[in-house]
Amino acid sequence: MMSWNLLEAREENRAAHAVALNYAVYRQAANRYALSGNATVGDIPMGQLALPPAWRSLKEWKTRIEGGRCYVYGPSSQEEGALIRDLFRGSYAIGRKDGGIMIPTVNGTRLDLPGWIADGSVVSVINID
């Protein structure tokens, strides 16, 4: 016999996996745009990104280019954030904003994140200059 709690946990895990994959597709399109040489500074509307036609956002993902960096971010649970990092094999380019900085740090080096990214957000940062 299976408990309802176990079934609910599996359903939540499936939803977290869907969010992680959704972010990964969005991030890939945002980074391609940022590295295209035609990127503009500021908030990048989703319509500017070459996303697959059937793709639909599961969260309020955002892209902003500022100071020679591309920030791809949005709300996520800790489980979703961990799954996103797993998808990118633990890349230090992806983390979570906590107390104004990106976690995890790289060799103890802090990366201060802008105030327009909410604490608790999943964040990807790449240099584009």
Protein backbone atom coordinates (compact mmCIF):
# COMPACT_ATOMS: atom_id res chain seq x y z
CA MET A 1 0.00 0.00 0.00
CA MET A 2 1.21 3.50 -0.79
CA SER A 3 0.70 6.51 1.43
CA TRP A 4 -0.90 9.67 0.03
CA ASN A 5 2.00 11.68 1.43
CA LEU A 6 4.42 9.67 -0.70
CA LEU A 7 2.27 10.25 -3.79
CA GLU A 8 2.14 13.99 -3.07
CA ALA A 9 5.92 14.10 -2.57
CA ARG A 10 6.49 12.39 -5.93
CA GLU A 11 4.14 14.86 -7.63
CA GLU A 12 5.98 17.83 -6.07
CA ASN A 13 9.31 16.37 -7.17
CA ARG A 14 7.98 15.99 -10.73
CA ALA A 15 6.86 19.63 -10.65
CA ALA A 16 10.31 20.74 -9.41
CA HIS A 17 11.96 18.81 -12.26
CA ALA A 18 9.64 20.52 -14.76
CA VAL A 19 10.58 23.95 -13.36
CA ALA A 20 14.29 23.09 -13.54
CA LEU A 21 14.02 22.05 -17.19
CA ASN A 22 11.91 25.10 -17.96
CA TYR A 23 14.58 27.39 -16.48
CA ALA A 24 17.34 25.55 -18.35
CA VAL A 25 15.65 26.17 -21.72
CA TYR A 26 15.02 29.83 -20.85
CA ARG A 27 18.60 30.35 -19.62
CA GLN A 28 20.04 28.82 -22.76
CA ALA A 29 18.00 31.18 -24.95
CA ALA A 30 18.92 34.18 -22.77
CA ASN A 31 22.64 33.38 -22.86
CA ARG A 32 22.57 32.88 -26.65
CA TYR A 33 20.95 36.31 -26.96
CA ALA A 34 23.46 37.92 -24.59
CA LEU A 35 26.42 36.46 -26.48
CA SER A 36 25.02 37.22 -29.94
CA GLY A 37 26.72 40.59 -30.24
CA ASN A 38 23.32 42.24 -30.81
CA ALA A 39 22.25 42.28 -27.16
CA THR A 40 20.99 45.49 -25.62
CA VAL A 41 21.61 46.69 -22.07
CA GLY A 42 18.71 46.50 -19.63
CA ASP A 43 15.75 44.18 -19.17
CA ILE A 44 15.33 41.78 -22.07
CA PRO A 45 11.72 40.96 -23.00
CA MET A 46 10.98 37.27 -23.42
CA GLY A 47 9.91 37.96 -27.01
CA GLN A 48 13.53 38.88 -27.85
CA LEU A 49 14.71 35.38 -26.99
CA ALA A 50 14.71 32.49 -29.47
CA LEU A 51 12.64 30.14 -27.32
CA PRO A 52 11.08 26.98 -28.77
CA PRO A 53 7.57 27.64 -30.13
CA ALA A 54 5.85 25.25 -27.70
CA TRP A 55 7.79 26.48 -24.65
CA ARG A 56 5.76 28.20 -21.92
CA SER A 57 7.22 29.84 -18.83
CA LEU A 58 6.46 28.01 -15.58
CA LYS A 59 7.86 30.83 -13.45
CA GLU A 60 8.49 34.54 -13.86
CA TRP A 61 11.96 34.19 -15.42
CA LYS A 62 13.77 37.41 -16.26
CA THR A 63 16.91 38.44 -18.11
CA ARG A 64 18.84 41.63 -17.59
CA ILE A 65 22.11 42.76 -19.08
CA GLU A 66 24.06 45.24 -17.04
CA GLY A 67 27.69 46.02 -16.32
CA GLY A 68 29.03 43.49 -18.81
CA ARG A 69 27.05 40.65 -17.29
CA CYS A 70 23.92 38.74 -18.22
CA TYR A 71 21.70 37.86 -15.26
CA VAL A 72 19.02 35.20 -15.72
CA TYR A 73 16.89 34.87 -12.61
CA GLY A 74 13.52 34.17 -11.08
CA PRO A 75 11.68 32.75 -8.11
CA SER A 76 12.35 29.16 -7.13
CA SER A 77 12.15 26.83 -4.20
CA GLN A 78 15.37 25.46 -2.75
CA GLU A 79 14.56 22.07 -4.31
CA GLU A 80 14.05 23.65 -7.75
CA GLY A 81 17.30 25.60 -7.39
CA ALA A 82 19.20 22.45 -6.44
CA LEU A 83 17.78 20.59 -9.44
CA ILE A 84 18.73 23.48 -11.72
CA ARG A 85 22.32 23.37 -10.45
CA ASP A 86 22.32 19.60 -10.97
CA LEU A 87 21.23 20.07 -14.59
CA PHE A 88 24.23 22.33 -15.13
CA ARG A 89 26.54 19.90 -13.29
CA GLY A 90 27.12 22.19 -10.32
CA SER A 91 28.27 25.15 -12.42
CA TYR A 92 29.34 28.13 -10.32
CA ALA A 93 27.56 30.31 -12.89
CA ILE A 94 24.29 29.24 -11.25
CA GLY A 95 23.27 29.77 -7.67
CA ARG A 96 20.79 31.32 -5.32
CA LYS A 97 20.68 34.87 -4.01
CA ASP A 98 20.98 34.81 -0.25
CA GLY A 99 21.70 37.92 1.78
CA GLY A 100 22.59 39.88 -1.35
CA ILE A 101 25.23 37.44 -2.57
CA MET A 102 25.31 34.41 -4.83
CA ILE A 103 25.50 31.07 -3.06
CA PRO A 104 27.57 29.01 -3.52
CA THR A 105 30.63 31.21 -3.57
CA VAL A 106 33.59 30.35 -5.79
CA ASN A 107 36.61 29.52 -3.63
CA GLY A 108 35.22 31.84 -0.95
CA THR A 109 34.93 34.77 -3.37
CA ARG A 110 31.67 36.68 -2.93
CA LEU A 111 29.61 37.75 -5.89
CA ASP A 112 27.36 40.62 -4.82
CA LEU A 113 24.10 40.56 -6.75
CA PRO A 114 22.07 43.64 -7.71
CA GLY A 115 19.14 44.73 -5.55
CA TRP A 116 16.64 44.16 -8.35
CA ILE A 117 17.10 40.40 -7.92
CA ALA A 118 15.03 39.18 -4.98
CA ASP A 119 16.62 37.11 -2.23
CA GLY A 120 15.78 33.44 -2.72
CA SER A 121 15.87 33.69 -6.51
CA VAL A 122 17.74 31.23 -8.66
CA VAL A 123 20.39 33.21 -10.55
CA SER A 124 22.72 32.59 -13.46
CA VAL A 125 25.46 35.12 -14.19
CA ILE A 126 27.77 35.15 -17.18
CA ASN A 127 30.24 37.80 -18.31
CA ILE A 128 29.59 39.04 -21.83
CA ASP A 129 32.36 41.60 -22.27
